[in-house]
PDB file of N, CA and C in Angstrom:
ATOM      1  N   MET A   1       0.822  -1.184   0.000  1.00  0.00           N
ATOM      2  CA  MET A   1       0.000   0.000   0.000  1.00  0.00           C
ATOM      3  C   MET A   1       0.870   1.253   0.000  1.00  0.00           C
ATOM      4  N   LYS A   2       2.012   1.191   0.681  1.00  0.00           N
ATOM      5  CA  LYS A   2       2.907   2.354   0.703  1.00  0.00           C
ATOM      6  C   LYS A   2       3.397   2.690  -0.700  1.00  0.00           C
ATOM      7  N   LYS A   3       3.703   1.673  -1.504  1.00  0.00           N
ATOM      8  CA  LYS A   3       4.172   1.930  -2.861  1.00  0.00           C
ATOM      9  C   LYS A   3       3.054   2.505  -3.730  1.00  0.00           C
ATOM     10  N   ILE A   4       1.860   1.964  -3.591  1.00  0.00           N
ATOM     11  CA  ILE A   4       0.718   2.478  -4.349  1.00  0.00           C
ATOM     12  C   ILE A   4       0.449   3.925  -3.950  1.00  0.00           C
ATOM     13  N   ALA A   5       0.493   4.195  -2.656  1.00  0.00           N
ATOM     14  CA  ALA A   5       0.265   5.555  -2.165  1.00  0.00           C
ATOM     15  C   ALA A   5       1.321   6.515  -2.700  1.00  0.00           C
ATOM     16  N   ALA A   6       2.570   6.078  -2.764  1.00  0.00           N
ATOM     17  CA  ALA A   6       3.644   6.933  -3.277  1.00  0.00           C
ATOM     18  C   ALA A   6       3.424   7.248  -4.752  1.00  0.00           C
ATOM     19  N   MET A   7       3.030   6.243  -5.538  1.00  0.00           N
ATOM     20  CA  MET A   7       2.751   6.492  -6.962  1.00  0.00           C
ATOM     21  C   MET A   7       1.575   7.447  -7.118  1.00  0.00           C
ATOM     22  N   ALA A   8       0.546   7.259  -6.313  1.00  0.00           N
ATOM     23  CA  ALA A   8      -0.625   8.140  -6.379  1.00  0.00           C
ATOM     24  C   ALA A   8      -0.253   9.557  -5.966  1.00  0.00           C
ATOM     25  N   GLU A   9       0.529   9.684  -4.908  1.00  0.00           N
ATOM     26  CA  GLU A   9       0.926  11.015  -4.419  1.00  0.00           C
ATOM     27  C   GLU A   9       1.707  11.783  -5.482  1.00  0.00           C
ATOM     28  N   ALA A  10       2.525  11.079  -6.251  1.00  0.00           N
ATOM     29  CA  ALA A  10       3.292  11.736  -7.315  1.00  0.00           C
ATOM     30  C   ALA A  10       2.392  12.354  -8.376  1.00  0.00           C
ATOM     31  N   HIS A  11       1.146  11.893  -8.420  1.00  0.00           N
ATOM     32  CA  HIS A  11       0.183  12.428  -9.394  1.00  0.00           C
ATOM     33  C   HIS A  11      -0.944  13.191  -8.708  1.00  0.00           C
ATOM     34  N   TYR A  12      -0.701  13.604  -7.455  1.00  0.00           N
ATOM     35  CA  TYR A  12      -1.669  14.405  -6.678  1.00  0.00           C
ATOM     36  C   TYR A  12      -3.003  13.679  -6.487  1.00  0.00           C
ATOM     37  N   ILE A  13      -2.927  12.376  -6.276  1.00  0.00           N
ATOM     38  CA  ILE A  13      -4.123  11.556  -6.053  1.00  0.00           C
ATOM     39  C   ILE A  13      -4.155  11.150  -4.587  1.00  0.00           C
ATOM     40  N   THR A  14      -5.327  11.311  -3.965  1.00  0.00           N
ATOM     41  CA  THR A  14      -5.461  10.901  -2.571  1.00  0.00           C
ATOM     42  C   THR A  14      -5.804   9.420  -2.486  1.00  0.00           C
ATOM     43  N   MET A  15      -5.583   8.845  -1.312  1.00  0.00           N
ATOM     44  CA  MET A  15      -5.836   7.421  -1.083  1.00  0.00           C
ATOM     45  C   MET A  15      -7.049   7.256  -0.171  1.00  0.00           C
ATOM     46  N   ALA A  16      -7.920   6.327  -0.525  1.00  0.00           N
ATOM     47  CA  ALA A  16      -9.056   5.959   0.312  1.00  0.00           C
ATOM     48  C   ALA A  16      -9.115   4.433   0.357  1.00  0.00           C
ATOM     49  N   PRO A  17      -8.233   3.801   1.133  1.00  0.00           N
ATOM     50  CA  PRO A  17      -8.185   2.337   1.165  1.00  0.00           C
ATOM     51  C   PRO A  17      -9.509   1.752   1.647  1.00  0.00           C
ATOM     52  N   HIS A  18      -9.905   0.655   1.024  1.00  0.00           N
ATOM     53  CA  HIS A  18     -11.123  -0.027   1.439  1.00  0.00           C
ATOM     54  C   HIS A  18     -10.795  -0.898   2.643  1.00  0.00           C
ATOM     55  N   ASP A  19     -11.672  -0.888   3.609  1.00  0.00           N
ATOM     56  CA  ASP A  19     -11.422  -1.678   4.807  1.00  0.00           C
ATOM     57  C   ASP A  19     -12.660  -2.412   5.284  1.00  0.00           C
ATOM     58  N   GLY A  20     -13.807  -1.920   4.939  1.00  0.00           N
ATOM     59  CA  GLY A  20     -15.075  -2.365   5.488  1.00  0.00           C
ATOM     60  C   GLY A  20     -15.230  -3.821   5.826  1.00  0.00           C
ATOM     61  N   SER A  21     -15.060  -4.726   4.883  1.00  0.00           N
ATOM     62  CA  SER A  21     -15.402  -6.117   5.154  1.00  0.00           C
ATOM     63  C   SER A  21     -14.190  -7.013   5.352  1.00  0.00           C
ATOM     64  N   LEU A  22     -13.013  -6.450   5.463  1.00  0.00           N
ATOM     65  CA  LEU A  22     -11.839  -7.300   5.604  1.00  0.00           C
ATOM     66  C   LEU A  22     -11.769  -7.964   6.973  1.00  0.00           C
ATOM     67  N   SER A  23     -12.034  -7.245   8.015  1.00  0.00           N
ATOM     68  CA  SER A  23     -12.122  -7.755   9.378  1.00  0.00           C
ATOM     69  C   SER A  23     -11.669  -6.658  10.320  1.00  0.00           C
ATOM     70  N   PRO A  24     -12.085  -6.742  11.572  1.00  0.00           N
ATOM     71  CA  PRO A  24     -11.624  -5.756  12.544  1.00  0.00           C
ATOM     72  C   PRO A  24     -10.108  -5.800  12.737  1.00  0.00           C
ATOM     73  N   VAL A  25      -9.528  -6.990  12.647  1.00  0.00           N
ATOM     74  CA  VAL A  25      -8.084  -7.125  12.824  1.00  0.00           C
ATOM     75  C   VAL A  25      -7.360  -6.472  11.641  1.00  0.00           C
ATOM     76  N   ALA A  26      -7.844  -6.686  10.430  1.00  0.00           N
ATOM     77  CA  ALA A  26      -7.243  -6.054   9.256  1.00  0.00           C
ATOM     78  C   ALA A  26      -7.353  -4.540   9.354  1.00  0.00           C
ATOM     79  N   GLU A  27      -8.472  -4.066   9.875  1.00  0.00           N
ATOM     80  CA  GLU A  27      -8.632  -2.624  10.057  1.00  0.00           C
ATOM     81  C   GLU A  27      -7.552  -2.081  10.981  1.00  0.00           C
ATOM     82  N   MET A  28      -7.296  -2.784  12.076  1.00  0.00           N
ATOM     83  CA  MET A  28      -6.284  -2.308  13.019  1.00  0.00           C
ATOM     84  C   MET A  28      -4.872  -2.412  12.442  1.00  0.00           C
ATOM     85  N   ALA A  29      -4.673  -3.288  11.479  1.00  0.00           N
ATOM     86  CA  ALA A  29      -3.381  -3.334  10.796  1.00  0.00           C
ATOM     87  C   ALA A  29      -3.251  -2.147   9.837  1.00  0.00           C
ATOM     88  N   ALA A  30      -4.371  -1.686   9.294  1.00  0.00           N
ATOM     89  CA  ALA A  30      -4.355  -0.582   8.342  1.00  0.00           C
ATOM     90  C   ALA A  30      -4.186   0.774   9.021  1.00  0.00           C
ATOM     91  N   VAL A  31      -4.721   0.939  10.222  1.00  0.00           N
ATOM     92  CA  VAL A  31      -4.736   2.257  10.880  1.00  0.00           C
ATOM     93  C   VAL A  31      -3.336   2.867  11.038  1.00  0.00           C
ATOM     94  N   PRO A  32      -2.350   2.172  11.603  1.00  0.00           N
ATOM     95  CA  PRO A  32      -1.031   2.804  11.723  1.00  0.00           C
ATOM     96  C   PRO A  32      -0.383   3.071  10.365  1.00  0.00           C
ATOM     97  N   LEU A  33      -0.654   2.207   9.402  1.00  0.00           N
ATOM     98  CA  LEU A  33      -0.090   2.402   8.068  1.00  0.00           C
ATOM     99  C   LEU A  33      -0.653   3.660   7.412  1.00  0.00           C
ATOM    100  N   ILE A  34      -1.974   3.790   7.404  1.00  0.00           N
ATOM    101  CA  ILE A  34      -2.566   4.940   6.717  1.00  0.00           C
ATOM    102  C   ILE A  34      -2.254   6.246   7.434  1.00  0.00           C
ATOM    103  N   ALA A  35      -1.939   6.173   8.721  1.00  0.00           N
ATOM    104  CA  ALA A  35      -1.554   7.383   9.446  1.00  0.00           C
ATOM    105  C   ALA A  35      -0.242   7.947   8.925  1.00  0.00           C
ATOM    106  N   THR A  36       0.529   7.130   8.203  1.00  0.00           N
ATOM    107  CA  THR A  36       1.817   7.588   7.662  1.00  0.00           C
ATOM    108  C   THR A  36       1.711   8.096   6.232  1.00  0.00           C
ATOM    109  N   LEU A  37       0.540   7.971   5.609  1.00  0.00           N
ATOM    110  CA  LEU A  37       0.396   8.364   4.205  1.00  0.00           C
ATOM    111  C   LEU A  37       0.045   9.841   4.089  1.00  0.00           C
ATOM    112  N   ALA A  38       0.862  10.586   3.390  1.00  0.00           N
ATOM    113  CA  ALA A  38       0.618  12.021   3.220  1.00  0.00           C
ATOM    114  C   ALA A  38      -0.642  12.284   2.407  1.00  0.00           C
ATOM    115  N   ASN A  39      -1.007  11.358   1.534  1.00  0.00           N
ATOM    116  CA  ASN A  39      -2.159  11.567   0.652  1.00  0.00           C
ATOM    117  C   ASN A  39      -3.370  10.736   1.070  1.00  0.00           C
ATOM    118  N   PHE A  40      -3.425  10.341   2.336  1.00  0.00           N
ATOM    119  CA  PHE A  40      -4.570   9.591   2.849  1.00  0.00           C
ATOM    120  C   PHE A  40      -5.780  10.507   2.958  1.00  0.00           C
ATOM    121  N   LEU A  41      -6.934  10.032   2.493  1.00  0.00           N
ATOM    122  CA  LEU A  41      -8.165  10.812   2.529  1.00  0.00           C
ATOM    123  C   LEU A  41      -9.143  10.298   3.578  1.00  0.00           C
ATOM    124  N   ILE A  42      -9.513   9.011   3.477  1.00  0.00           N
ATOM    125  CA  ILE A  42     -10.564   8.484   4.345  1.00  0.00           C
ATOM    126  C   ILE A  42     -10.440   6.964   4.425  1.00  0.00           C
ATOM    127  N   LEU A  43     -10.879   6.397   5.550  1.00  0.00           N
ATOM    128  CA  LEU A  43     -10.937   4.951   5.737  1.00  0.00           C
ATOM    129  C   LEU A  43     -12.354   4.591   6.117  1.00  0.00           C
ATOM    130  N   GLU A  44     -12.925   3.662   5.399  1.00  0.00           N
ATOM    131  CA  GLU A  44     -14.261   3.193   5.752  1.00  0.00           C
ATOM    132  C   GLU A  44     -14.176   2.431   7.063  1.00  0.00           C
ATOM    133  N   HIS A  45     -15.046   2.773   8.002  1.00  0.00           N
ATOM    134  CA  HIS A  45     -15.119   2.061   9.278  1.00  0.00           C
ATOM    135  C   HIS A  45     -16.576   1.771   9.559  1.00  0.00           C
ATOM    136  N   ARG A  46     -16.901   0.507   9.657  1.00  0.00           N
ATOM    137  CA  ARG A  46     -18.279   0.107   9.947  1.00  0.00           C
ATOM    138  C   ARG A  46     -18.293  -0.540  11.318  1.00  0.00           C
ATOM    139  N   ALA A  47     -18.857   0.150  12.275  1.00  0.00           N
ATOM    140  CA  ALA A  47     -18.836  -0.315  13.660  1.00  0.00           C
ATOM    141  C   ALA A  47     -19.590  -1.627  13.846  1.00  0.00           C
ATOM    142  N   ASP A  48     -20.567  -1.908  13.017  1.00  0.00           N
ATOM    143  CA  ASP A  48     -21.365  -3.121  13.171  1.00  0.00           C
ATOM    144  C   ASP A  48     -21.333  -3.979  11.911  1.00  0.00           C
ATOM    145  N   ASP A  49     -20.169  -4.094  11.288  1.00  0.00           N
ATOM    146  CA  ASP A  49     -20.066  -4.845  10.033  1.00  0.00           C
ATOM    147  C   ASP A  49     -20.217  -6.342  10.227  1.00  0.00           C
ATOM    148  N   VAL A  50     -19.627  -6.879  11.262  1.00  0.00           N
ATOM    149  CA  VAL A  50     -19.732  -8.310  11.548  1.00  0.00           C
ATOM    150  C   VAL A  50     -20.027  -8.481  13.034  1.00  0.00           C
ATOM    151  N   PRO A  51     -20.878  -9.451  13.385  1.00  0.00           N
ATOM    152  CA  PRO A  51     -21.245  -9.603  14.798  1.00  0.00           C
ATOM    153  C   PRO A  51     -20.062  -9.923  15.706  1.00  0.00           C
ATOM    154  N   GLN A  52     -19.049 -10.572  15.171  1.00  0.00           N
ATOM    155  CA  GLN A  52     -17.910 -10.961  16.008  1.00  0.00           C
ATOM    156  C   GLN A  52     -16.894  -9.839  16.202  1.00  0.00           C
ATOM    157  N   ARG A  53     -17.152  -8.648  15.641  1.00  0.00           N
ATOM    158  CA  ARG A  53     -16.209  -7.528  15.756  1.00  0.00           C
ATOM    159  C   ARG A  53     -15.730  -7.335  17.196  1.00  0.00           C
ATOM    160  N   TYR A  54     -16.616  -7.420  18.149  1.00  0.00           N
ATOM    161  CA  TYR A  54     -16.272  -7.125  19.545  1.00  0.00           C
ATOM    162  C   TYR A  54     -15.813  -8.356  20.314  1.00  0.00           C
ATOM    163  N   GLU A  55     -15.717  -9.499  19.614  1.00  0.00           N
ATOM    164  CA  GLU A  55     -15.251 -10.724  20.262  1.00  0.00           C
ATOM    165  C   GLU A  55     -13.809 -11.066  19.911  1.00  0.00           C
ATOM    166  N   VAL A  56     -13.348 -10.700  18.723  1.00  0.00           N
ATOM    167  CA  VAL A  56     -12.071 -11.200  18.214  1.00  0.00           C
ATOM    168  C   VAL A  56     -10.856 -10.400  18.670  1.00  0.00           C
ATOM    169  N   MET A  57     -11.102  -9.226  19.254  1.00  0.00           N
ATOM    170  CA  MET A  57      -9.973  -8.462  19.774  1.00  0.00           C
ATOM    171  C   MET A  57     -10.422  -7.612  20.956  1.00  0.00           C
ATOM    172  N   GLU A  58      -9.484  -7.390  21.834  1.00  0.00           N
ATOM    173  CA  GLU A  58      -9.746  -6.529  22.982  1.00  0.00           C
ATOM    174  C   GLU A  58      -9.087  -5.185  22.715  1.00  0.00           C
ATOM    175  N   SER A  59      -9.557  -4.172  23.389  1.00  0.00           N
ATOM    176  CA  SER A  59      -9.122  -2.792  23.128  1.00  0.00           C
ATOM    177  C   SER A  59      -9.600  -2.361  21.752  1.00  0.00           C
ATOM    178  N   GLN A  60     -10.891  -2.178  21.631  1.00  0.00           N
ATOM    179  CA  GLN A  60     -11.485  -1.744  20.371  1.00  0.00           C
ATOM    180  C   GLN A  60     -10.967  -0.353  20.000  1.00  0.00           C
ATOM    181  N   PRO A  61     -10.923  -0.053  18.686  1.00  0.00           N
ATOM    182  CA  PRO A  61     -10.449   1.274  18.291  1.00  0.00           C
ATOM    183  C   PRO A  61     -11.379   2.358  18.820  1.00  0.00           C
ATOM    184  N   GLU A  62     -10.784   3.426  19.277  1.00  0.00           N
ATOM    185  CA  GLU A  62     -11.578   4.534  19.788  1.00  0.00           C
ATOM    186  C   GLU A  62     -11.813   5.529  18.655  1.00  0.00           C
ATOM    187  N   VAL A  63     -13.081   5.767  18.357  1.00  0.00           N
ATOM    188  CA  VAL A  63     -13.446   6.716  17.308  1.00  0.00           C
ATOM    189  C   VAL A  63     -13.894   7.999  17.995  1.00  0.00           C
ATOM    190  N   ILE A  64     -13.158   9.072  17.755  1.00  0.00           N
ATOM    191  CA  ILE A  64     -13.457  10.367  18.367  1.00  0.00           C
ATOM    192  C   ILE A  64     -13.614  11.387  17.253  1.00  0.00           C
ATOM    193  N   ASP A  65     -14.788  12.000  17.180  1.00  0.00           N
ATOM    194  CA  ASP A  65     -15.070  13.006  16.139  1.00  0.00           C
ATOM    195  C   ASP A  65     -14.747  12.474  14.746  1.00  0.00           C
ATOM    196  N   SER A  66     -15.136  11.243  14.487  1.00  0.00           N
ATOM    197  CA  SER A  66     -14.943  10.574  13.195  1.00  0.00           C
ATOM    198  C   SER A  66     -13.494  10.204  12.893  1.00  0.00           C
ATOM    199  N   TYR A  67     -12.634  10.231  13.887  1.00  0.00           N
ATOM    200  CA  TYR A  67     -11.244   9.827  13.708  1.00  0.00           C
ATOM    201  C   TYR A  67     -10.976   8.608  14.570  1.00  0.00           C
ATOM    202  N   ILE A  68     -10.211   7.655  14.029  1.00  0.00           N
ATOM    203  CA  ILE A  68      -9.777   6.503  14.816  1.00  0.00           C
ATOM    204  C   ILE A  68      -8.420   6.844  15.410  1.00  0.00           C
ATOM    205  N   GLU A  69      -8.352   6.732  16.704  1.00  0.00           N
ATOM    206  CA  GLU A  69      -7.101   6.977  17.415  1.00  0.00           C
ATOM    207  C   GLU A  69      -6.104   5.879  17.033  1.00  0.00           C
ATOM    208  N   VAL A  70      -4.890   6.264  16.667  1.00  0.00           N
ATOM    209  CA  VAL A  70      -3.859   5.277  16.343  1.00  0.00           C
ATOM    210  C   VAL A  70      -3.370   4.676  17.657  1.00  0.00           C
ATOM    211  N   PRO A  71      -3.494   3.351  17.816  1.00  0.00           N
ATOM    212  CA  PRO A  71      -3.075   2.726  19.078  1.00  0.00           C
ATOM    213  C   PRO A  71      -1.576   2.906  19.309  1.00  0.00           C
ATOM    214  N   ASP A  72      -1.181   3.043  20.568  1.00  0.00           N
ATOM    215  CA  ASP A  72       0.240   3.195  20.855  1.00  0.00           C
ATOM    216  C   ASP A  72       0.821   1.964  21.548  1.00  0.00           C
ATOM    217  N   GLY A  73       0.026   0.892  21.613  1.00  0.00           N
ATOM    218  CA  GLY A  73       0.515  -0.351  22.203  1.00  0.00           C
ATOM    219  C   GLY A  73       1.394  -1.110  21.222  1.00  0.00           C
ATOM    220  N   PRO A  74       2.019  -2.191  21.680  1.00  0.00           N
ATOM    221  CA  PRO A  74       2.878  -2.977  20.786  1.00  0.00           C
ATOM    222  C   PRO A  74       2.073  -3.677  19.694  1.00  0.00           C
ATOM    223  N   GLY A  75       2.725  -3.974  18.597  1.00  0.00           N
ATOM    224  CA  GLY A  75       2.076  -4.674  17.476  1.00  0.00           C
ATOM    225  C   GLY A  75       0.965  -3.846  16.877  1.00  0.00           C
ATOM    226  N   LEU A  76      -0.204  -4.434  16.753  1.00  0.00           N
ATOM    227  CA  LEU A  76      -1.351  -3.730  16.180  1.00  0.00           C
ATOM    228  C   LEU A  76      -2.018  -2.804  17.194  1.00  0.00           C
ATOM    229  N   GLY A  77      -1.600  -2.888  18.443  1.00  0.00           N
ATOM    230  CA  GLY A  77      -2.194  -2.044  19.471  1.00  0.00           C
ATOM    231  C   GLY A  77      -3.454  -2.631  20.074  1.00  0.00           C
ATOM    232  N   VAL A  78      -3.788  -3.855  19.687  1.00  0.00           N
ATOM    233  CA  VAL A  78      -4.947  -4.560  20.243  1.00  0.00           C
ATOM    234  C   VAL A  78      -4.498  -5.973  20.616  1.00  0.00           C
ATOM    235  N   ASP A  79      -5.251  -6.599  21.480  1.00  0.00           N
ATOM    236  CA  ASP A  79      -4.970  -7.988  21.836  1.00  0.00           C
ATOM    237  C   ASP A  79      -5.929  -8.881  21.057  1.00  0.00           C
ATOM    238  N   ILE A  80      -5.381  -9.812  20.300  1.00  0.00           N
ATOM    239  CA  ILE A  80      -6.173 -10.749  19.511  1.00  0.00           C
ATOM    240  C   ILE A  80      -6.685 -11.851  20.442  1.00  0.00           C
ATOM    241  N   VAL A  81      -7.966 -12.154  20.351  1.00  0.00           N
ATOM    242  CA  VAL A  81      -8.564 -13.235  21.151  1.00  0.00           C
ATOM    243  C   VAL A  81      -8.636 -14.458  20.231  1.00  0.00           C
ATOM    244  N   GLU A  82      -7.610 -15.279  20.288  1.00  0.00           N
ATOM    245  CA  GLU A  82      -7.469 -16.392  19.345  1.00  0.00           C
ATOM    246  C   GLU A  82      -8.621 -17.389  19.411  1.00  0.00           C
ATOM    247  N   GLU A  83      -9.154 -17.628  20.608  1.00  0.00           N
ATOM    248  CA  GLU A  83     -10.277 -18.569  20.727  1.00  0.00           C
ATOM    249  C   GLU A  83     -11.485 -18.064  19.942  1.00  0.00           C
ATOM    250  N   SER A  84     -11.716 -16.765  19.973  1.00  0.00           N
ATOM    251  CA  SER A  84     -12.845 -16.192  19.235  1.00  0.00           C
ATOM    252  C   SER A  84     -12.598 -16.223  17.729  1.00  0.00           C
ATOM    253  N   ILE A  85     -11.392 -15.924  17.320  1.00  0.00           N
ATOM    254  CA  ILE A  85     -11.077 -15.957  15.891  1.00  0.00           C
ATOM    255  C   ILE A  85     -11.251 -17.366  15.352  1.00  0.00           C
ATOM    256  N   ALA A  86     -10.876 -18.371  16.136  1.00  0.00           N
ATOM    257  CA  ALA A  86     -11.017 -19.764  15.698  1.00  0.00           C
ATOM    258  C   ALA A  86     -12.480 -20.145  15.471  1.00  0.00           C
ATOM    259  N   LYS A  87     -13.407 -19.470  16.145  1.00  0.00           N
ATOM    260  CA  LYS A  87     -14.840 -19.764  15.963  1.00  0.00           C
ATOM    261  C   LYS A  87     -15.382 -19.206  14.653  1.00  0.00           C
ATOM    262  N   TYR A  88     -14.638 -18.294  14.018  1.00  0.00           N
ATOM    263  CA  TYR A  88     -15.123 -17.627  12.806  1.00  0.00           C
ATOM    264  C   TYR A  88     -14.113 -17.765  11.667  1.00  0.00           C
ATOM    265  N   PRO A  89     -13.941 -18.977  11.126  1.00  0.00           N
ATOM    266  CA  PRO A  89     -12.975 -19.136  10.029  1.00  0.00           C
ATOM    267  C   PRO A  89     -13.417 -18.341   8.808  1.00  0.00           C
ATOM    268  N   SER A  90     -12.459 -17.874   8.060  1.00  0.00           N
ATOM    269  CA  SER A  90     -12.748 -17.062   6.873  1.00  0.00           C
ATOM    270  C   SER A  90     -13.529 -17.875   5.848  1.00  0.00           C
ATOM    271  N   GLN A  91     -14.514 -17.239   5.266  1.00  0.00           N
ATOM    272  CA  GLN A  91     -15.274 -17.862   4.178  1.00  0.00           C
ATOM    273  C   GLN A  91     -15.008 -17.120   2.881  1.00  0.00           C
ATOM    274  N   GLY A  92     -13.980 -16.311   2.879  1.00  0.00           N
ATOM    275  CA  GLY A  92     -13.674 -15.508   1.705  1.00  0.00           C
ATOM    276  C   GLY A  92     -14.522 -14.251   1.702  1.00  0.00           C
ATOM    277  N   ASN A  93     -14.177 -13.339   0.840  1.00  0.00           N
ATOM    278  CA  ASN A  93     -14.871 -12.063   0.804  1.00  0.00           C
ATOM    279  C   ASN A  93     -15.820 -11.963  -0.385  1.00  0.00           C
ATOM    280  N   VAL A  94     -15.794 -12.941  -1.272  1.00  0.00           N
ATOM    281  CA  VAL A  94     -16.641 -12.910  -2.460  1.00  0.00           C
ATOM    282  C   VAL A  94     -17.397 -14.226  -2.567  1.00  0.00           C
ATOM    283  N   ILE A  95     -18.679 -14.137  -2.806  1.00  0.00           N
ATOM    284  CA  ILE A  95     -19.523 -15.309  -2.973  1.00  0.00           C
ATOM    285  C   ILE A  95     -19.501 -15.700  -4.458  1.00  0.00           C
ATOM    286  N   PRO A  96     -19.409 -16.987  -4.786  1.00  0.00           N
ATOM    287  CA  PRO A  96     -19.404 -17.387  -6.205  1.00  0.00           C
ATOM    288  C   PRO A  96     -20.669 -16.928  -6.929  1.00  0.00           C
ATOM    289  N   PRO A  97     -20.588 -16.760  -8.248  1.00  0.00           N
ATOM    290  CA  PRO A  97     -21.756 -16.312  -9.009  1.00  0.00           C
ATOM    291  C   PRO A  97     -22.956 -17.239  -8.830  1.00  0.00           C
ATOM    292  N   ASN A  98     -24.126 -16.648  -8.816  1.00  0.00           N
ATOM    293  CA  ASN A  98     -25.375 -17.384  -8.699  1.00  0.00           C
ATOM    294  C   ASN A  98     -26.068 -17.322 -10.053  1.00  0.00           C
ATOM    295  N   PRO A  99     -26.355 -18.456 -10.684  1.00  0.00           N
ATOM    296  CA  PRO A  99     -26.970 -18.432 -12.017  1.00  0.00           C
ATOM    297  C   PRO A  99     -28.336 -17.749 -12.026  1.00  0.00           C
ATOM    298  N   ASN A 100     -28.993 -17.643 -10.883  1.00  0.00           N
ATOM    299  CA  ASN A 100     -30.284 -16.956 -10.818  1.00  0.00           C
ATOM    300  C   ASN A 100     -30.134 -15.442 -10.786  1.00  0.00           C
ATOM    301  N   ARG A 101     -28.931 -14.987 -10.676  1.00  0.00           N
ATOM    302  CA  ARG A 101     -28.650 -13.548 -10.657  1.00  0.00           C
ATOM    303  C   ARG A 101     -27.630 -13.246 -11.742  1.00  0.00           C
ATOM    304  N   GLU A 102     -27.994 -13.441 -12.952  1.00  0.00           N
ATOM    305  CA  GLU A 102     -27.045 -13.304 -14.048  1.00  0.00           C
ATOM    306  C   GLU A 102     -26.541 -11.879 -14.231  1.00  0.00           C
ATOM    307  N   HIS A 103     -27.272 -10.885 -13.689  1.00  0.00           N
ATOM    308  CA  HIS A 103     -26.823  -9.511 -13.836  1.00  0.00           C
ATOM    309  C   HIS A 103     -25.657  -9.176 -12.915  1.00  0.00           C
ATOM    310  N   LEU A 104     -25.332 -10.066 -11.996  1.00  0.00           N
ATOM    311  CA  LEU A 104     -24.196  -9.846 -11.111  1.00  0.00           C
ATOM    312  C   LEU A 104     -23.059 -10.787 -11.499  1.00  0.00           C
ATOM    313  N   TYR A 105     -21.900 -10.243 -11.765  1.00  0.00           N
ATOM    314  CA  TYR A 105     -20.747 -11.100 -12.027  1.00  0.00           C
ATOM    315  C   TYR A 105     -20.184 -11.640 -10.725  1.00  0.00           C
ATOM    316  N   PHE A 106     -20.273 -10.858  -9.695  1.00  0.00           N
ATOM    317  CA  PHE A 106     -19.868 -11.283  -8.363  1.00  0.00           C
ATOM    318  C   PHE A 106     -20.684 -10.471  -7.384  1.00  0.00           C
ATOM    319  N   GLN A 107     -20.658 -10.872  -6.152  1.00  0.00           N
ATOM    320  CA  GLN A 107     -21.345 -10.090  -5.132  1.00  0.00           C
ATOM    321  C   GLN A 107     -20.601 -10.194  -3.823  1.00  0.00           C
ATOM    322  N   THR A 108     -20.699  -9.169  -3.039  1.00  0.00           N
ATOM    323  CA  THR A 108     -20.106  -9.195  -1.716  1.00  0.00           C
ATOM    324  C   THR A 108     -21.061  -9.936  -0.804  1.00  0.00           C
ATOM    325  N   ARG A 109     -20.776  -9.938   0.454  1.00  0.00           N
ATOM    326  CA  ARG A 109     -21.679 -10.604   1.373  1.00  0.00           C
ATOM    327  C   ARG A 109     -23.114 -10.175   1.118  1.00  0.00           C
ATOM    328  N   GLU A 110     -24.023 -11.093   1.271  1.00  0.00           N
ATOM    329  CA  GLU A 110     -25.426 -10.888   0.919  1.00  0.00           C
ATOM    330  C   GLU A 110     -26.001  -9.587   1.464  1.00  0.00           C
ATOM    331  N   GLN A 111     -25.810  -9.303   2.745  1.00  0.00           N
ATOM    332  CA  GLN A 111     -26.425  -8.111   3.309  1.00  0.00           C
ATOM    333  C   GLN A 111     -25.807  -6.828   2.763  1.00  0.00           C
ATOM    334  N   CYS A 112     -24.574  -6.871   2.307  1.00  0.00           N
ATOM    335  CA  CYS A 112     -23.933  -5.675   1.763  1.00  0.00           C
ATOM    336  C   CYS A 112     -24.245  -5.486   0.291  1.00  0.00           C
ATOM    337  N   ALA A 113     -24.787  -6.487  -0.374  1.00  0.00           N
ATOM    338  CA  ALA A 113     -24.959  -6.434  -1.828  1.00  0.00           C
ATOM    339  C   ALA A 113     -26.398  -6.134  -2.245  1.00  0.00           C
ATOM    340  N   ARG A 114     -27.284  -5.905  -1.320  1.00  0.00           N
ATOM    341  CA  ARG A 114     -28.687  -5.697  -1.702  1.00  0.00           C
ATOM    342  C   ARG A 114     -28.890  -4.517  -2.621  1.00  0.00           C
ATOM    343  N   TRP A 115     -28.082  -3.477  -2.475  1.00  0.00           N
ATOM    344  CA  TRP A 115     -28.240  -2.298  -3.335  1.00  0.00           C
ATOM    345  C   TRP A 115     -27.892  -2.600  -4.781  1.00  0.00           C
ATOM    346  N   LEU A 116     -27.194  -3.705  -5.037  1.00  0.00           N
ATOM    347  CA  LEU A 116     -26.868  -4.079  -6.413  1.00  0.00           C
ATOM    348  C   LEU A 116     -28.037  -4.733  -7.143  1.00  0.00           C
ATOM    349  N   GLU A 117     -29.010  -5.175  -6.392  1.00  0.00           N
ATOM    350  CA  GLU A 117     -30.137  -5.905  -6.977  1.00  0.00           C
ATOM    351  C   GLU A 117     -30.961  -4.992  -7.892  1.00  0.00           C
ATOM    352  N   LYS A 118     -31.361  -5.522  -9.006  1.00  0.00           N
ATOM    353  CA  LYS A 118     -32.260  -4.792  -9.899  1.00  0.00           C
ATOM    354  C   LYS A 118     -33.695  -4.921  -9.390  1.00  0.00           C
ATOM    355  N   PRO A 119     -34.479  -3.847  -9.486  1.00  0.00           N
ATOM    356  CA  PRO A 119     -35.885  -3.990  -9.102  1.00  0.00           C
ATOM    357  C   PRO A 119     -36.581  -4.982 -10.039  1.00  0.00           C
ATOM    358  N   ARG A 120     -37.448  -5.756  -9.496  1.00  0.00           N
ATOM    359  CA  ARG A 120     -38.126  -6.767 -10.307  1.00  0.00           C
ATOM    360  C   ARG A 120     -39.469  -6.270 -10.754  1.00  0.00           C
TER     361      ARG A 120
END
């Protein structure tokens, strides 16, 4: 991401990395990185994206006035709860195509993809 950001910055392009559905842990890995990008614009943060958000790590990110505080603890700044993560194995971020929905080449998780549906 640092290399992509550097190439974008050379052309006066801001960065808005996608984070929403990757996971709370991935989000916390992104926060210190994006804090170093001169051309960072915005990070998507969904407080209720997945039900296990508040189970898989301790020391949740503090959002103050729409800003996430960069943790100052070691590593990612949060404690990973391995037992909780083991209960939620990754199922991937993309669902295979459904022949009944030929207008979609791919779709994100079902609840996030409803806006893609064509009215019937």
